Amino acid sequence: VALKKGDVRGCAAVNRALTEMYQSGAAKTMID
């Protein structure tokens, strides 16, 4: 996921969301 260069805070927030997406099983559901 590309963000404006230097947006470390936004990047960390996106990473938390992506982690939850996989841990909750939502990622597998989307791909299937």
ModelCIF file with pLDDT and N, C-alpha, C, O atoms, coordinates in Angstrom:
data_MODEL
#
_entry.id   MODEL 
#
_entity.id                         1 
_entity.type                       polymer 
_entity.pdbx_number_of_molecules   1 
#
_entity_poly.entity_id                      1 
_entity_poly.type                           'polypeptide(L)' 
_entity_poly.nstd_linkage                   no 
_entity_poly.nstd_monomer                   no 
_entity_poly.pdbx_seq_one_letter_code       VALKKGDVRGCAAVNRALTEMYQSGAAKTMID 
_entity_poly.pdbx_seq_one_letter_code_can   VALKKGDVRGCAAVNRALTEMYQSGAAKTMID 
_entity_poly.pdbx_strand_id                 A 
#
loop_
_entity_poly_seq.entity_id 
_entity_poly_seq.num 
_entity_poly_seq.mon_id 
_entity_poly_seq.hetero 
1 1  VAL n 
1 2  ALA n 
1 3  LEU n 
1 4  LYS n 
1 5  LYS n 
1 6  GLY n 
1 7  ASP n 
1 8  VAL n 
1 9  ARG n 
1 10 GLY n 
1 11 CYS n 
1 12 ALA n 
1 13 ALA n 
1 14 VAL n 
1 15 ASN n 
1 16 ARG n 
1 17 ALA n 
1 18 LEU n 
1 19 THR n 
1 20 GLU n 
1 21 MET n 
1 22 TYR n 
1 23 GLN n 
1 24 SER n 
1 25 GLY n 
1 26 ALA n 
1 27 ALA n 
1 28 LYS n 
1 29 THR n 
1 30 MET n 
1 31 ILE n 
1 32 ASP n 
#
_struct_asym.id          A 
_struct_asym.entity_id   1 
#
loop_
_ma_qa_metric.id 
_ma_qa_metric.mode 
_ma_qa_metric.name 
_ma_qa_metric.software_group_id 
_ma_qa_metric.type 
1 global pLDDT . pLDDT 
2 local  pLDDT . pLDDT 
#
_ma_qa_metric_global.metric_id      1 
_ma_qa_metric_global.metric_value   94.47 
_ma_qa_metric_global.model_id       1 
_ma_qa_metric_global.ordinal_id     1 
#
loop_
_ma_qa_metric_local.label_asym_id 
_ma_qa_metric_local.label_comp_id 
_ma_qa_metric_local.label_seq_id 
_ma_qa_metric_local.metric_id 
_ma_qa_metric_local.metric_value 
_ma_qa_metric_local.model_id 
_ma_qa_metric_local.ordinal_id 
A VAL 1  2 97.00 1 1  
A ALA 2  2 97.00 1 2  
A LEU 3  2 97.00 1 3  
A LYS 4  2 96.00 1 4  
A LYS 5  2 96.00 1 5  
A GLY 6  2 96.00 1 6  
A ASP 7  2 96.00 1 7  
A VAL 8  2 97.00 1 8  
A ARG 9  2 96.00 1 9  
A GLY 10 2 97.00 1 10 
A CYS 11 2 97.00 1 11 
A ALA 12 2 97.00 1 12 
A ALA 13 2 97.00 1 13 
A VAL 14 2 97.00 1 14 
A ASN 15 2 96.00 1 15 
A ARG 16 2 96.00 1 16 
A ALA 17 2 97.00 1 17 
A LEU 18 2 96.00 1 18 
A THR 19 2 95.00 1 19 
A GLU 20 2 96.00 1 20 
A MET 21 2 96.00 1 21 
A TYR 22 2 94.00 1 22 
A GLN 23 2 93.00 1 23 
A SER 24 2 94.00 1 24 
A GLY 25 2 92.00 1 25 
A ALA 26 2 94.00 1 26 
A ALA 27 2 92.00 1 27 
A LYS 28 2 88.00 1 28 
A THR 29 2 90.00 1 29 
A MET 30 2 90.00 1 30 
A ILE 31 2 87.00 1 31 
A ASP 32 2 84.00 1 32 
#
loop_
_atom_site.group_PDB 
_atom_site.id 
_atom_site.type_symbol 
_atom_site.label_atom_id 
_atom_site.label_alt_id 
_atom_site.label_comp_id 
_atom_site.label_asym_id 
_atom_site.label_entity_id 
_atom_site.label_seq_id 
_atom_site.pdbx_PDB_ins_code 
_atom_site.Cartn_x 
_atom_site.Cartn_y 
_atom_site.Cartn_z 
_atom_site.occupancy 
_atom_site.B_iso_or_equiv 
_atom_site.pdbx_formal_charge 
_atom_site.auth_seq_id 
_atom_site.auth_comp_id 
_atom_site.auth_asym_id 
_atom_site.auth_atom_id 
_atom_site.pdbx_PDB_model_num 
ATOM 1   N N  . VAL A 1 1  ? 0.873   -1.174  0.000  1.00 97.00 ? 1  VAL A N  1 
ATOM 2   C CA . VAL A 1 1  ? 0.000   0.000   0.000  1.00 97.00 ? 1  VAL A CA 1 
ATOM 3   C C  . VAL A 1 1  ? 0.911   1.226   0.000  1.00 97.00 ? 1  VAL A C  1 
ATOM 4   O O  . VAL A 1 1  ? 1.684   1.419   0.939  1.00 97.00 ? 1  VAL A O  1 
ATOM 5   N N  . ALA A 1 2  ? 0.831   2.043   -1.026 1.00 97.00 ? 2  ALA A N  1 
ATOM 6   C CA . ALA A 1 2  ? 1.700   3.215   -1.133 1.00 97.00 ? 2  ALA A CA 1 
ATOM 7   C C  . ALA A 1 2  ? 1.069   4.411   -0.433 1.00 97.00 ? 2  ALA A C  1 
ATOM 8   O O  . ALA A 1 2  ? -0.109  4.711   -0.626 1.00 97.00 ? 2  ALA A O  1 
ATOM 9   N N  . LEU A 1 3  ? 1.881   5.093   0.392  1.00 97.00 ? 3  LEU A N  1 
ATOM 10  C CA . LEU A 1 3  ? 1.499   6.333   1.050  1.00 97.00 ? 3  LEU A CA 1 
ATOM 11  C C  . LEU A 1 3  ? 2.531   7.390   0.700  1.00 97.00 ? 3  LEU A C  1 
ATOM 12  O O  . LEU A 1 3  ? 3.613   7.074   0.204  1.00 97.00 ? 3  LEU A O  1 
ATOM 13  N N  . LYS A 1 4  ? 2.195   8.635   0.960  1.00 96.00 ? 4  LYS A N  1 
ATOM 14  C CA . LYS A 1 4  ? 3.141   9.716   0.709  1.00 96.00 ? 4  LYS A CA 1 
ATOM 15  C C  . LYS A 1 4  ? 4.422   9.466   1.510  1.00 96.00 ? 4  LYS A C  1 
ATOM 16  O O  . LYS A 1 4  ? 4.367   9.029   2.660  1.00 96.00 ? 4  LYS A O  1 
ATOM 17  N N  . LYS A 1 5  ? 5.555   9.743   0.904  1.00 96.00 ? 5  LYS A N  1 
ATOM 18  C CA . LYS A 1 5  ? 6.846   9.496   1.542  1.00 96.00 ? 5  LYS A CA 1 
ATOM 19  C C  . LYS A 1 5  ? 6.918   10.182  2.902  1.00 96.00 ? 5  LYS A C  1 
ATOM 20  O O  . LYS A 1 5  ? 6.653   11.378  3.028  1.00 96.00 ? 5  LYS A O  1 
ATOM 21  N N  . GLY A 1 6  ? 7.282   9.397   3.916  1.00 96.00 ? 6  GLY A N  1 
ATOM 22  C CA . GLY A 1 6  ? 7.417   9.934   5.264  1.00 96.00 ? 6  GLY A CA 1 
ATOM 23  C C  . GLY A 1 6  ? 6.193   9.779   6.146  1.00 96.00 ? 6  GLY A C  1 
ATOM 24  O O  . GLY A 1 6  ? 6.242   10.135  7.323  1.00 96.00 ? 6  GLY A O  1 
ATOM 25  N N  . ASP A 1 7  ? 5.092   9.257   5.610  1.00 96.00 ? 7  ASP A N  1 
ATOM 26  C CA . ASP A 1 7  ? 3.875   9.091   6.417  1.00 96.00 ? 7  ASP A CA 1 
ATOM 27  C C  . ASP A 1 7  ? 3.983   7.794   7.224  1.00 96.00 ? 7  ASP A C  1 
ATOM 28  O O  . ASP A 1 7  ? 3.275   6.821   6.965  1.00 96.00 ? 7  ASP A O  1 
ATOM 29  N N  . VAL A 1 8  ? 4.879   7.804   8.200  1.00 97.00 ? 8  VAL A N  1 
ATOM 30  C CA . VAL A 1 8  ? 5.137   6.604   8.998  1.00 97.00 ? 8  VAL A CA 1 
ATOM 31  C C  . VAL A 1 8  ? 3.950   6.275   9.895  1.00 97.00 ? 8  VAL A C  1 
ATOM 32  O O  . VAL A 1 8  ? 3.621   5.106   10.094 1.00 97.00 ? 8  VAL A O  1 
ATOM 33  N N  . ARG A 1 9  ? 3.309   7.308   10.435 1.00 96.00 ? 9  ARG A N  1 
ATOM 34  C CA . ARG A 1 9  ? 2.153   7.065   11.296 1.00 96.00 ? 9  ARG A CA 1 
ATOM 35  C C  . ARG A 1 9  ? 1.015   6.398   10.520 1.00 96.00 ? 9  ARG A C  1 
ATOM 36  O O  . ARG A 1 9  ? 0.398   5.450   11.004 1.00 96.00 ? 9  ARG A O  1 
ATOM 37  N N  . GLY A 1 10 ? 0.743   6.902   9.313  1.00 97.00 ? 10 GLY A N  1 
ATOM 38  C CA . GLY A 1 10 ? -0.293  6.294   8.486  1.00 97.00 ? 10 GLY A CA 1 
ATOM 39  C C  . GLY A 1 10 ? 0.067   4.877   8.098  1.00 97.00 ? 10 GLY A C  1 
ATOM 40  O O  . GLY A 1 10 ? -0.796  4.000   8.068  1.00 97.00 ? 10 GLY A O  1 
ATOM 41  N N  . CYS A 1 11 ? 1.337   4.647   7.799  1.00 97.00 ? 11 CYS A N  1 
ATOM 42  C CA . CYS A 1 11 ? 1.810   3.319   7.434  1.00 97.00 ? 11 CYS A CA 1 
ATOM 43  C C  . CYS A 1 11 ? 1.581   2.325   8.566  1.00 97.00 ? 11 CYS A C  1 
ATOM 44  O O  . CYS A 1 11 ? 1.109   1.212   8.336  1.00 97.00 ? 11 CYS A O  1 
ATOM 45  N N  . ALA A 1 12 ? 1.917   2.729   9.792  1.00 97.00 ? 12 ALA A N  1 
ATOM 46  C CA . ALA A 1 12 ? 1.730   1.847   10.941 1.00 97.00 ? 12 ALA A CA 1 
ATOM 47  C C  . ALA A 1 12 ? 0.256   1.512   11.146 1.00 97.00 ? 12 ALA A C  1 
ATOM 48  O O  . ALA A 1 12 ? -0.078  0.383   11.503 1.00 97.00 ? 12 ALA A O  1 
ATOM 49  N N  . ALA A 1 13 ? -0.626  2.484   10.925 1.00 97.00 ? 13 ALA A N  1 
ATOM 50  C CA . ALA A 1 13 ? -2.058  2.246   11.079 1.00 97.00 ? 13 ALA A CA 1 
ATOM 51  C C  . ALA A 1 13 ? -2.569  1.266   10.024 1.00 97.00 ? 13 ALA A C  1 
ATOM 52  O O  . ALA A 1 13 ? -3.389  0.398   10.322 1.00 97.00 ? 13 ALA A O  1 
ATOM 53  N N  . VAL A 1 14 ? -2.085  1.407   8.795  1.00 97.00 ? 14 VAL A N  1 
ATOM 54  C CA . VAL A 1 14 ? -2.475  0.482   7.731  1.00 97.00 ? 14 VAL A CA 1 
ATOM 55  C C  . VAL A 1 14 ? -1.978  -0.925  8.050  1.00 97.00 ? 14 VAL A C  1 
ATOM 56  O O  . VAL A 1 14 ? -2.697  -1.902  7.838  1.00 97.00 ? 14 VAL A O  1 
ATOM 57  N N  . ASN A 1 15 ? -0.755  -1.030  8.559  1.00 96.00 ? 15 ASN A N  1 
ATOM 58  C CA . ASN A 1 15 ? -0.226  -2.351  8.911  1.00 96.00 ? 15 ASN A CA 1 
ATOM 59  C C  . ASN A 1 15 ? -1.057  -3.020  10.003 1.00 96.00 ? 15 ASN A C  1 
ATOM 60  O O  . ASN A 1 15 ? -1.267  -4.232  9.961  1.00 96.00 ? 15 ASN A O  1 
ATOM 61  N N  . ARG A 1 16 ? -1.528  -2.253  10.969 1.00 96.00 ? 16 ARG A N  1 
ATOM 62  C CA . ARG A 1 16 ? -2.388  -2.830  12.009 1.00 96.00 ? 16 ARG A CA 1 
ATOM 63  C C  . ARG A 1 16 ? -3.685  -3.353  11.400 1.00 96.00 ? 16 ARG A C  1 
ATOM 64  O O  . ARG A 1 16 ? -4.172  -4.418  11.779 1.00 96.00 ? 16 ARG A O  1 
ATOM 65  N N  . ALA A 1 17 ? -4.239  -2.598  10.454 1.00 97.00 ? 17 ALA A N  1 
ATOM 66  C CA . ALA A 1 17 ? -5.480  -3.032  9.795  1.00 97.00 ? 17 ALA A CA 1 
ATOM 67  C C  . ALA A 1 17 ? -5.254  -4.299  8.977  1.00 97.00 ? 17 ALA A C  1 
ATOM 68  O O  . ALA A 1 17 ? -6.087  -5.205  8.992  1.00 97.00 ? 17 ALA A O  1 
ATOM 69  N N  . LEU A 1 18 ? -4.139  -4.365  8.268  1.00 96.00 ? 18 LEU A N  1 
ATOM 70  C CA . LEU A 1 18 ? -3.839  -5.549  7.459  1.00 96.00 ? 18 LEU A CA 1 
ATOM 71  C C  . LEU A 1 18 ? -3.611  -6.774  8.335  1.00 96.00 ? 18 LEU A C  1 
ATOM 72  O O  . LEU A 1 18 ? -4.027  -7.878  7.985  1.00 96.00 ? 18 LEU A O  1 
ATOM 73  N N  . THR A 1 19 ? -2.948  -6.580  9.477  1.00 95.00 ? 19 THR A N  1 
ATOM 74  C CA . THR A 1 19 ? -2.745  -7.697  10.401 1.00 95.00 ? 19 THR A CA 1 
ATOM 75  C C  . THR A 1 19 ? -4.085  -8.258  10.861 1.00 95.00 ? 19 THR A C  1 
ATOM 76  O O  . THR A 1 19 ? -4.283  -9.473  10.891 1.00 95.00 ? 19 THR A O  1 
ATOM 77  N N  . GLU A 1 20 ? -4.999  -7.367  11.216 1.00 96.00 ? 20 GLU A N  1 
ATOM 78  C CA . GLU A 1 20 ? -6.324  -7.800  11.642 1.00 96.00 ? 20 GLU A CA 1 
ATOM 79  C C  . GLU A 1 20 ? -7.072  -8.487  10.507 1.00 96.00 ? 20 GLU A C  1 
ATOM 80  O O  . GLU A 1 20 ? -7.808  -9.447  10.735 1.00 96.00 ? 20 GLU A O  1 
ATOM 81  N N  . MET A 1 21 ? -6.885  -7.996  9.283  1.00 96.00 ? 21 MET A N  1 
ATOM 82  C CA . MET A 1 21 ? -7.556  -8.579  8.125  1.00 96.00 ? 21 MET A CA 1 
ATOM 83  C C  . MET A 1 21 ? -7.169  -10.048 7.954  1.00 96.00 ? 21 MET A C  1 
ATOM 84  O O  . MET A 1 21 ? -8.014  -10.883 7.631  1.00 96.00 ? 21 MET A O  1 
ATOM 85  N N  . TYR A 1 22 ? -5.906  -10.358 8.168  1.00 94.00 ? 22 TYR A N  1 
ATOM 86  C CA . TYR A 1 22 ? -5.449  -11.751 8.051  1.00 94.00 ? 22 TYR A CA 1 
ATOM 87  C C  . TYR A 1 22 ? -5.838  -12.562 9.284  1.00 94.00 ? 22 TYR A C  1 
ATOM 88  O O  . TYR A 1 22 ? -6.317  -13.688 9.153  1.00 94.00 ? 22 TYR A O  1 
ATOM 89  N N  . GLN A 1 23 ? -5.639  -12.009 10.475 1.00 93.00 ? 23 GLN A N  1 
ATOM 90  C CA . GLN A 1 23 ? -5.917  -12.767 11.693 1.00 93.00 ? 23 GLN A CA 1 
ATOM 91  C C  . GLN A 1 23 ? -7.394  -13.100 11.855 1.00 93.00 ? 23 GLN A C  1 
ATOM 92  O O  . GLN A 1 23 ? -7.742  -14.129 12.434 1.00 93.00 ? 23 GLN A O  1 
ATOM 93  N N  . SER A 1 24 ? -8.266  -12.226 11.342 1.00 94.00 ? 24 SER A N  1 
ATOM 94  C CA . SER A 1 24 ? -9.708  -12.449 11.459 1.00 94.00 ? 24 SER A CA 1 
ATOM 95  C C  . SER A 1 24 ? -10.251 -13.416 10.414 1.00 94.00 ? 24 SER A C  1 
ATOM 96  O O  . SER A 1 24 ? -11.395 -13.860 10.512 1.00 94.00 ? 24 SER A O  1 
ATOM 97  N N  . GLY A 1 25 ? -9.434  -13.743 9.414  1.00 92.00 ? 25 GLY A N  1 
ATOM 98  C CA . GLY A 1 25 ? -9.892  -14.604 8.324  1.00 92.00 ? 25 GLY A CA 1 
ATOM 99  C C  . GLY A 1 25 ? -10.516 -13.842 7.173  1.00 92.00 ? 25 GLY A C  1 
ATOM 100 O O  . GLY A 1 25 ? -10.915 -14.446 6.178  1.00 92.00 ? 25 GLY A O  1 
ATOM 101 N N  . ALA A 1 26 ? -10.610 -12.499 7.294  1.00 94.00 ? 26 ALA A N  1 
ATOM 102 C CA . ALA A 1 26 ? -11.225 -11.700 6.225  1.00 94.00 ? 26 ALA A CA 1 
ATOM 103 C C  . ALA A 1 26 ? -10.432 -11.793 4.936  1.00 94.00 ? 26 ALA A C  1 
ATOM 104 O O  . ALA A 1 26 ? -11.020 -11.820 3.855  1.00 94.00 ? 26 ALA A O  1 
ATOM 105 N N  . ALA A 1 27 ? -9.107  -11.843 5.024  1.00 92.00 ? 27 ALA A N  1 
ATOM 106 C CA . ALA A 1 27 ? -8.279  -11.929 3.816  1.00 92.00 ? 27 ALA A CA 1 
ATOM 107 C C  . ALA A 1 27 ? -8.576  -13.201 3.039  1.00 92.00 ? 27 ALA A C  1 
ATOM 108 O O  . ALA A 1 27 ? -8.728  -13.164 1.818  1.00 92.00 ? 27 ALA A O  1 
ATOM 109 N N  . LYS A 1 28 ? -8.659  -14.318 3.734  1.00 88.00 ? 28 LYS A N  1 
ATOM 110 C CA . LYS A 1 28 ? -8.947  -15.589 3.068  1.00 88.00 ? 28 LYS A CA 1 
ATOM 111 C C  . LYS A 1 28 ? -10.321 -15.557 2.403  1.00 88.00 ? 28 LYS A C  1 
ATOM 112 O O  . LYS A 1 28 ? -10.491 -16.047 1.287  1.00 88.00 ? 28 LYS A O  1 
ATOM 113 N N  . THR A 1 29 ? -11.300 -14.973 3.100  1.00 90.00 ? 29 THR A N  1 
ATOM 114 C CA . THR A 1 29 ? -12.645 -14.872 2.529  1.00 90.00 ? 29 THR A CA 1 
ATOM 115 C C  . THR A 1 29 ? -12.631 -14.054 1.245  1.00 90.00 ? 29 THR A C  1 
ATOM 116 O O  . THR A 1 29 ? -13.243 -14.445 0.252  1.00 90.00 ? 29 THR A O  1 
ATOM 117 N N  . MET A 1 30 ? -11.931 -12.911 1.261  1.00 90.00 ? 30 MET A N  1 
ATOM 118 C CA . MET A 1 30 ? -11.849 -12.058 0.066  1.00 90.00 ? 30 MET A CA 1 
ATOM 119 C C  . MET A 1 30 ? -11.232 -12.806 -1.102 1.00 90.00 ? 30 MET A C  1 
ATOM 120 O O  . MET A 1 30 ? -11.753 -12.765 -2.217 1.00 90.00 ? 30 MET A O  1 
ATOM 121 N N  . ILE A 1 31 ? -10.120 -13.493 -0.849 1.00 87.00 ? 31 ILE A N  1 
ATOM 122 C CA . ILE A 1 31 ? -9.411  -14.188 -1.926 1.00 87.00 ? 31 ILE A CA 1 
ATOM 123 C C  . ILE A 1 31 ? -10.249 -15.348 -2.461 1.00 87.00 ? 31 ILE A C  1 
ATOM 124 O O  . ILE A 1 31 ? -10.325 -15.553 -3.672 1.00 87.00 ? 31 ILE A O  1 
ATOM 125 N N  . ASP A 1 32 ? -10.880 -16.109 -1.557 1.00 84.00 ? 32 ASP A N  1 
ATOM 126 C CA . ASP A 1 32 ? -11.711 -17.233 -2.002 1.00 84.00 ? 32 ASP A CA 1 
ATOM 127 C C  . ASP A 1 32 ? -12.884 -16.747 -2.848 1.00 84.00 ? 32 ASP A C  1 
ATOM 128 O O  . ASP A 1 32 ? -13.690 -17.557 -3.308 1.00 84.00 ? 32 ASP A O  1 
#
